[in-house]
Amino acid sequence: SCNWWLKVLAAMTHQLHDTNKTQDACSAQWLLMWTTAAYAPVSASIEEQHHLRTFFESLDNRCVSAAWDYHSAVKEMPPTTESRRSLLLWMANMENKFRAAAELPLLRNTRFKTLSERWRFDDGYL
């Protein structure tokens, strides 16, 4: 079974929640997705929504696993790009789908405030 590889990838994703240091292309992909969501517009225009949706739907998947298919997951649960809040909550749901496939504990605190504090640098930028 390829579940062991999915568990390795998920463990690396788990480490990413404590630090932004990436270990490989997969953890770099998650970092890029989380920071993109965290810095999305508070309320996205129609054009910004289109760009964000295109980004997440077209992202080249760097997490290779037989048990997890990013593109299938995105088709099943398309990104919600109307706002930063909706996109961060979508990301939390996506990561929990990934973790469930790896049989790892789910992210427990998926509140918008907590996600914003984790993924945005509090410097007033954007």
N, C-alpha and C. Protein backbone atom coordinates (compact mmCIF):
# COMPACT_ATOMS: atom_id res chain seq x y z
N SER A 1 0.84 -1.19 0.00
CA SER A 1 0.00 0.00 0.00
C SER A 1 0.88 1.25 0.00
N CYS A 2 0.40 2.28 -0.61
CA CYS A 2 1.13 3.56 -0.66
C CYS A 2 0.73 4.48 0.48
N ASN A 3 -0.02 3.95 1.46
CA ASN A 3 -0.44 4.78 2.58
C ASN A 3 0.74 5.32 3.38
N TRP A 4 1.81 4.56 3.45
CA TRP A 4 2.98 5.01 4.20
C TRP A 4 3.51 6.32 3.61
N TRP A 5 3.51 6.46 2.29
CA TRP A 5 4.02 7.68 1.65
C TRP A 5 3.09 8.85 1.95
N LEU A 6 1.80 8.61 1.95
CA LEU A 6 0.84 9.65 2.27
C LEU A 6 1.04 10.12 3.71
N LYS A 7 1.35 9.18 4.60
CA LYS A 7 1.60 9.55 6.00
C LYS A 7 2.86 10.40 6.12
N VAL A 8 3.87 10.10 5.35
CA VAL A 8 5.10 10.91 5.35
C VAL A 8 4.78 12.32 4.87
N LEU A 9 4.03 12.43 3.77
CA LEU A 9 3.67 13.74 3.24
C LEU A 9 2.82 14.52 4.24
N ALA A 10 1.88 13.85 4.86
CA ALA A 10 1.03 14.52 5.84
C ALA A 10 1.83 14.95 7.07
N ALA A 11 2.80 14.14 7.48
CA ALA A 11 3.64 14.51 8.61
C ALA A 11 4.43 15.78 8.28
N MET A 12 4.90 15.87 7.04
CA MET A 12 5.62 17.07 6.63
C MET A 12 4.69 18.28 6.62
N THR A 13 3.44 18.07 6.21
CA THR A 13 2.46 19.14 6.24
C THR A 13 2.19 19.55 7.68
N HIS A 14 2.12 18.56 8.58
CA HIS A 14 1.91 18.85 10.00
C HIS A 14 3.05 19.73 10.53
N GLN A 15 4.29 19.41 10.17
CA GLN A 15 5.43 20.21 10.59
C GLN A 15 5.32 21.63 10.09
N LEU A 16 4.74 21.81 8.92
CA LEU A 16 4.59 23.13 8.33
C LEU A 16 3.70 24.02 9.18
N HIS A 17 2.83 23.42 9.99
CA HIS A 17 1.98 24.23 10.85
C HIS A 17 2.75 24.80 12.03
N ASP A 18 3.92 24.30 12.30
CA ASP A 18 4.74 24.84 13.38
C ASP A 18 5.84 25.75 12.85
N THR A 19 6.19 25.61 11.60
CA THR A 19 7.26 26.39 11.00
C THR A 19 6.97 26.54 9.52
N ASN A 20 7.55 27.54 8.90
CA ASN A 20 7.39 27.70 7.46
C ASN A 20 8.54 27.08 6.69
N LYS A 21 9.37 26.33 7.37
CA LYS A 21 10.50 25.68 6.70
C LYS A 21 9.98 24.49 5.91
N THR A 22 10.22 24.52 4.61
CA THR A 22 9.75 23.43 3.76
C THR A 22 10.81 22.34 3.67
N GLN A 23 10.32 21.10 3.54
CA GLN A 23 11.21 19.95 3.47
C GLN A 23 11.38 19.43 2.04
N ASP A 24 10.37 19.70 1.22
CA ASP A 24 10.36 19.16 -0.14
C ASP A 24 9.34 19.94 -0.97
N ALA A 25 9.12 19.51 -2.20
CA ALA A 25 8.18 20.20 -3.08
C ALA A 25 6.75 20.15 -2.55
N CYS A 26 6.39 19.07 -1.90
CA CYS A 26 5.03 18.94 -1.36
C CYS A 26 4.78 19.96 -0.26
N SER A 27 5.68 20.06 0.70
CA SER A 27 5.47 21.03 1.78
C SER A 27 5.56 22.47 1.25
N ALA A 28 6.37 22.68 0.22
CA ALA A 28 6.44 24.01 -0.41
C ALA A 28 5.11 24.34 -1.09
N GLN A 29 4.48 23.33 -1.69
CA GLN A 29 3.17 23.53 -2.31
C GLN A 29 2.14 23.95 -1.27
N TRP A 30 2.11 23.26 -0.13
CA TRP A 30 1.15 23.63 0.92
C TRP A 30 1.45 25.03 1.44
N LEU A 31 2.71 25.37 1.62
CA LEU A 31 3.06 26.72 2.08
C LEU A 31 2.56 27.77 1.09
N LEU A 32 2.77 27.53 -0.19
CA LEU A 32 2.31 28.46 -1.21
C LEU A 32 0.79 28.60 -1.18
N MET A 33 0.08 27.49 -1.06
CA MET A 33 -1.38 27.54 -1.03
C MET A 33 -1.89 28.28 0.20
N TRP A 34 -1.32 27.97 1.38
CA TRP A 34 -1.76 28.63 2.61
C TRP A 34 -1.49 30.14 2.57
N THR A 35 -0.30 30.52 2.13
CA THR A 35 0.02 31.95 2.13
C THR A 35 -0.79 32.69 1.06
N THR A 36 -1.06 32.04 -0.06
CA THR A 36 -1.90 32.66 -1.09
C THR A 36 -3.29 32.92 -0.51
N ALA A 37 -3.83 31.95 0.19
CA ALA A 37 -5.15 32.12 0.80
C ALA A 37 -5.12 33.21 1.88
N ALA A 38 -4.06 33.23 2.67
CA ALA A 38 -3.97 34.20 3.77
C ALA A 38 -3.85 35.63 3.28
N TYR A 39 -3.29 35.81 2.10
CA TYR A 39 -3.12 37.16 1.56
C TYR A 39 -4.10 37.47 0.43
N ALA A 40 -5.11 36.64 0.29
CA ALA A 40 -6.18 36.93 -0.68
C ALA A 40 -6.94 38.17 -0.22
N PRO A 41 -7.61 38.85 -1.12
CA PRO A 41 -8.37 40.04 -0.72
C PRO A 41 -9.44 39.71 0.32
N VAL A 42 -9.68 40.66 1.21
CA VAL A 42 -10.72 40.48 2.22
C VAL A 42 -12.04 40.17 1.53
N SER A 43 -12.35 40.92 0.50
CA SER A 43 -13.53 40.68 -0.33
C SER A 43 -13.07 40.77 -1.78
N ALA A 44 -13.00 39.64 -2.45
CA ALA A 44 -12.42 39.58 -3.79
C ALA A 44 -13.41 40.05 -4.86
N SER A 45 -12.90 40.82 -5.81
CA SER A 45 -13.70 41.21 -6.97
C SER A 45 -13.93 39.97 -7.84
N ILE A 46 -14.81 40.08 -8.81
CA ILE A 46 -15.08 38.96 -9.72
C ILE A 46 -13.78 38.54 -10.42
N GLU A 47 -12.99 39.53 -10.85
CA GLU A 47 -11.72 39.23 -11.53
C GLU A 47 -10.73 38.55 -10.58
N GLU A 48 -10.63 39.04 -9.34
CA GLU A 48 -9.74 38.42 -8.36
C GLU A 48 -10.19 36.99 -8.03
N GLN A 49 -11.49 36.78 -7.94
CA GLN A 49 -12.01 35.44 -7.69
C GLN A 49 -11.61 34.50 -8.82
N HIS A 50 -11.72 34.98 -10.04
CA HIS A 50 -11.34 34.17 -11.21
C HIS A 50 -9.85 33.80 -11.14
N HIS A 51 -8.99 34.78 -10.82
CA HIS A 51 -7.55 34.53 -10.75
C HIS A 51 -7.22 33.52 -9.64
N LEU A 52 -7.85 33.70 -8.49
CA LEU A 52 -7.60 32.77 -7.38
C LEU A 52 -8.08 31.36 -7.72
N ARG A 53 -9.26 31.25 -8.29
CA ARG A 53 -9.79 29.94 -8.67
C ARG A 53 -8.87 29.27 -9.69
N THR A 54 -8.42 30.06 -10.68
CA THR A 54 -7.50 29.52 -11.70
C THR A 54 -6.21 29.05 -11.05
N PHE A 55 -5.68 29.82 -10.11
CA PHE A 55 -4.44 29.44 -9.43
C PHE A 55 -4.61 28.08 -8.74
N PHE A 56 -5.65 27.96 -7.92
CA PHE A 56 -5.81 26.72 -7.14
C PHE A 56 -6.19 25.54 -8.03
N GLU A 57 -6.97 25.77 -9.06
CA GLU A 57 -7.37 24.67 -9.93
C GLU A 57 -6.25 24.22 -10.87
N SER A 58 -5.33 25.13 -11.19
CA SER A 58 -4.26 24.82 -12.15
C SER A 58 -2.94 24.45 -11.49
N LEU A 59 -2.89 24.53 -10.19
CA LEU A 59 -1.65 24.26 -9.47
C LEU A 59 -1.14 22.86 -9.80
N ASP A 60 0.13 22.78 -10.14
CA ASP A 60 0.74 21.49 -10.43
C ASP A 60 0.97 20.76 -9.10
N ASN A 61 0.34 19.63 -8.94
CA ASN A 61 0.41 18.89 -7.69
C ASN A 61 1.79 18.29 -7.48
N ARG A 62 2.43 18.66 -6.39
CA ARG A 62 3.77 18.15 -6.05
C ARG A 62 3.72 17.09 -4.95
N CYS A 63 2.52 16.76 -4.49
CA CYS A 63 2.37 15.74 -3.45
C CYS A 63 1.94 14.45 -4.12
N VAL A 64 2.89 13.59 -4.37
CA VAL A 64 2.62 12.36 -5.10
C VAL A 64 2.15 11.28 -4.12
N SER A 65 0.95 10.77 -4.36
CA SER A 65 0.39 9.73 -3.50
C SER A 65 -0.72 9.02 -4.23
N ALA A 66 -0.80 7.73 -4.02
CA ALA A 66 -1.88 6.95 -4.62
C ALA A 66 -3.21 7.20 -3.90
N ALA A 67 -3.14 7.60 -2.63
CA ALA A 67 -4.35 7.77 -1.83
C ALA A 67 -4.89 9.20 -1.86
N TRP A 68 -4.13 10.14 -2.36
CA TRP A 68 -4.54 11.54 -2.37
C TRP A 68 -4.32 12.12 -3.75
N ASP A 69 -5.36 12.65 -4.33
CA ASP A 69 -5.28 13.29 -5.64
C ASP A 69 -5.80 14.71 -5.51
N TYR A 70 -4.90 15.67 -5.48
CA TYR A 70 -5.25 17.08 -5.30
C TYR A 70 -6.28 17.53 -6.32
N HIS A 71 -6.04 17.24 -7.60
CA HIS A 71 -6.93 17.73 -8.64
C HIS A 71 -8.34 17.14 -8.53
N SER A 72 -8.46 15.89 -8.15
CA SER A 72 -9.78 15.31 -7.93
C SER A 72 -10.47 15.97 -6.74
N ALA A 73 -9.69 16.24 -5.68
CA ALA A 73 -10.25 16.90 -4.50
C ALA A 73 -10.74 18.30 -4.85
N VAL A 74 -9.99 19.02 -5.68
CA VAL A 74 -10.39 20.37 -6.08
C VAL A 74 -11.65 20.33 -6.94
N LYS A 75 -11.75 19.32 -7.80
CA LYS A 75 -12.97 19.18 -8.62
C LYS A 75 -14.18 18.86 -7.74
N GLU A 76 -13.95 18.02 -6.74
CA GLU A 76 -15.03 17.63 -5.83
C GLU A 76 -15.44 18.79 -4.93
N MET A 77 -14.46 19.59 -4.51
CA MET A 77 -14.71 20.71 -3.61
C MET A 77 -13.95 21.93 -4.14
N PRO A 78 -14.53 22.63 -5.12
CA PRO A 78 -13.84 23.78 -5.74
C PRO A 78 -13.51 24.87 -4.72
N PRO A 79 -12.43 25.60 -4.98
CA PRO A 79 -12.05 26.67 -4.06
C PRO A 79 -13.13 27.75 -3.95
N THR A 80 -13.35 28.19 -2.74
CA THR A 80 -14.29 29.29 -2.50
C THR A 80 -13.47 30.57 -2.41
N THR A 81 -13.60 31.39 -3.41
CA THR A 81 -12.68 32.52 -3.58
C THR A 81 -13.34 33.88 -3.35
N GLU A 82 -14.52 33.90 -2.79
CA GLU A 82 -15.23 35.16 -2.60
C GLU A 82 -14.53 36.09 -1.60
N SER A 83 -13.81 35.49 -0.67
CA SER A 83 -13.17 36.29 0.37
C SER A 83 -11.98 35.53 0.96
N ARG A 84 -11.15 36.26 1.68
CA ARG A 84 -10.03 35.64 2.39
C ARG A 84 -10.56 34.59 3.37
N ARG A 85 -11.61 34.94 4.07
CA ARG A 85 -12.21 34.03 5.05
C ARG A 85 -12.62 32.71 4.38
N SER A 86 -13.37 32.82 3.29
CA SER A 86 -13.86 31.59 2.64
C SER A 86 -12.71 30.77 2.10
N LEU A 87 -11.66 31.41 1.60
CA LEU A 87 -10.53 30.67 1.04
C LEU A 87 -9.70 30.00 2.13
N LEU A 88 -9.48 30.68 3.25
CA LEU A 88 -8.75 30.05 4.35
C LEU A 88 -9.52 28.85 4.91
N LEU A 89 -10.83 28.98 5.03
CA LEU A 89 -11.63 27.87 5.52
C LEU A 89 -11.64 26.72 4.52
N TRP A 90 -11.65 27.04 3.23
CA TRP A 90 -11.54 26.01 2.19
C TRP A 90 -10.21 25.27 2.31
N MET A 91 -9.13 26.02 2.54
CA MET A 91 -7.81 25.40 2.69
C MET A 91 -7.79 24.45 3.89
N ALA A 92 -8.41 24.86 4.99
CA ALA A 92 -8.46 23.98 6.17
C ALA A 92 -9.22 22.69 5.84
N ASN A 93 -10.31 22.81 5.10
CA ASN A 93 -11.06 21.62 4.68
C ASN A 93 -10.22 20.73 3.76
N MET A 94 -9.50 21.35 2.83
CA MET A 94 -8.65 20.57 1.93
C MET A 94 -7.56 19.84 2.70
N GLU A 95 -6.92 20.54 3.62
CA GLU A 95 -5.87 19.86 4.39
C GLU A 95 -6.45 18.73 5.23
N ASN A 96 -7.64 18.92 5.77
CA ASN A 96 -8.25 17.85 6.55
C ASN A 96 -8.62 16.66 5.67
N LYS A 97 -9.01 16.89 4.42
CA LYS A 97 -9.24 15.77 3.49
C LYS A 97 -7.93 15.01 3.27
N PHE A 98 -6.85 15.75 3.10
CA PHE A 98 -5.53 15.16 2.93
C PHE A 98 -5.14 14.34 4.16
N ARG A 99 -5.35 14.92 5.34
CA ARG A 99 -5.01 14.23 6.58
C ARG A 99 -5.88 12.99 6.79
N ALA A 100 -7.16 13.08 6.45
CA ALA A 100 -8.05 11.93 6.59
C ALA A 100 -7.58 10.79 5.71
N ALA A 101 -7.16 11.12 4.49
CA ALA A 101 -6.65 10.08 3.58
C ALA A 101 -5.39 9.43 4.13
N ALA A 102 -4.61 10.21 4.90
CA ALA A 102 -3.38 9.69 5.49
C ALA A 102 -3.61 9.06 6.87
N GLU A 103 -4.88 9.06 7.31
CA GLU A 103 -5.24 8.52 8.62
C GLU A 103 -4.48 9.23 9.74
N LEU A 104 -4.38 10.54 9.61
CA LEU A 104 -3.74 11.38 10.63
C LEU A 104 -4.78 12.25 11.30
N PRO A 105 -4.47 12.76 12.49
CA PRO A 105 -5.43 13.65 13.17
C PRO A 105 -5.73 14.87 12.30
N LEU A 106 -6.98 15.28 12.34
CA LEU A 106 -7.40 16.44 11.58
C LEU A 106 -6.96 17.71 12.29
N LEU A 107 -6.86 18.79 11.51
CA LEU A 107 -6.64 20.10 12.13
C LEU A 107 -7.82 20.36 13.04
N ARG A 108 -7.56 20.71 14.27
CA ARG A 108 -8.67 20.89 15.21
C ARG A 108 -9.18 22.32 15.21
N ASN A 109 -8.29 23.27 15.18
CA ASN A 109 -8.74 24.65 15.26
C ASN A 109 -8.73 25.26 13.87
N THR A 110 -9.87 25.24 13.24
CA THR A 110 -9.96 25.77 11.88
C THR A 110 -10.79 27.05 11.85
N ARG A 111 -10.75 27.79 12.95
CA ARG A 111 -11.43 29.09 12.99
C ARG A 111 -10.65 30.09 12.16
N PHE A 112 -11.37 30.98 11.52
CA PHE A 112 -10.76 31.99 10.65
C PHE A 112 -9.70 32.80 11.39
N LYS A 113 -10.00 33.25 12.57
CA LYS A 113 -9.05 34.07 13.34
C LYS A 113 -7.74 33.32 13.58
N THR A 114 -7.84 32.07 13.97
CA THR A 114 -6.65 31.27 14.23
C THR A 114 -5.84 31.04 12.96
N LEU A 115 -6.53 30.73 11.87
CA LEU A 115 -5.84 30.52 10.59
C LEU A 115 -5.16 31.80 10.13
N SER A 116 -5.83 32.93 10.29
CA SER A 116 -5.25 34.22 9.90
C SER A 116 -4.00 34.52 10.72
N GLU A 117 -4.08 34.28 12.02
CA GLU A 117 -2.92 34.53 12.89
C GLU A 117 -1.76 33.62 12.52
N ARG A 118 -2.06 32.39 12.12
CA ARG A 118 -0.99 31.45 11.76
C ARG A 118 -0.32 31.83 10.44
N TRP A 119 -1.10 32.21 9.45
CA TRP A 119 -0.58 32.34 8.10
C TRP A 119 -0.30 33.76 7.63
N ARG A 120 -0.72 34.76 8.38
CA ARG A 120 -0.45 36.15 7.99
C ARG A 120 0.55 36.76 8.97
N PHE A 121 1.49 37.51 8.43
CA PHE A 121 2.44 38.22 9.27
C PHE A 121 1.78 39.51 9.70
N ASP A 122 1.73 39.77 11.00
CA ASP A 122 1.00 40.92 11.53
C ASP A 122 1.81 42.21 11.38
N ASP A 123 1.91 42.67 10.15
CA ASP A 123 2.65 43.91 9.90
C ASP A 123 1.79 44.95 9.18
N GLY A 124 0.50 44.62 8.98
CA GLY A 124 -0.38 45.54 8.31
C GLY A 124 -0.24 45.54 6.80
N TYR A 125 0.63 44.71 6.27
CA TYR A 125 0.84 44.64 4.83
C TYR A 125 -0.33 43.90 4.20
N LEU A 126 -0.91 44.47 3.18
CA LEU A 126 -2.07 43.92 2.50
C LEU A 126 -3.19 43.71 3.48
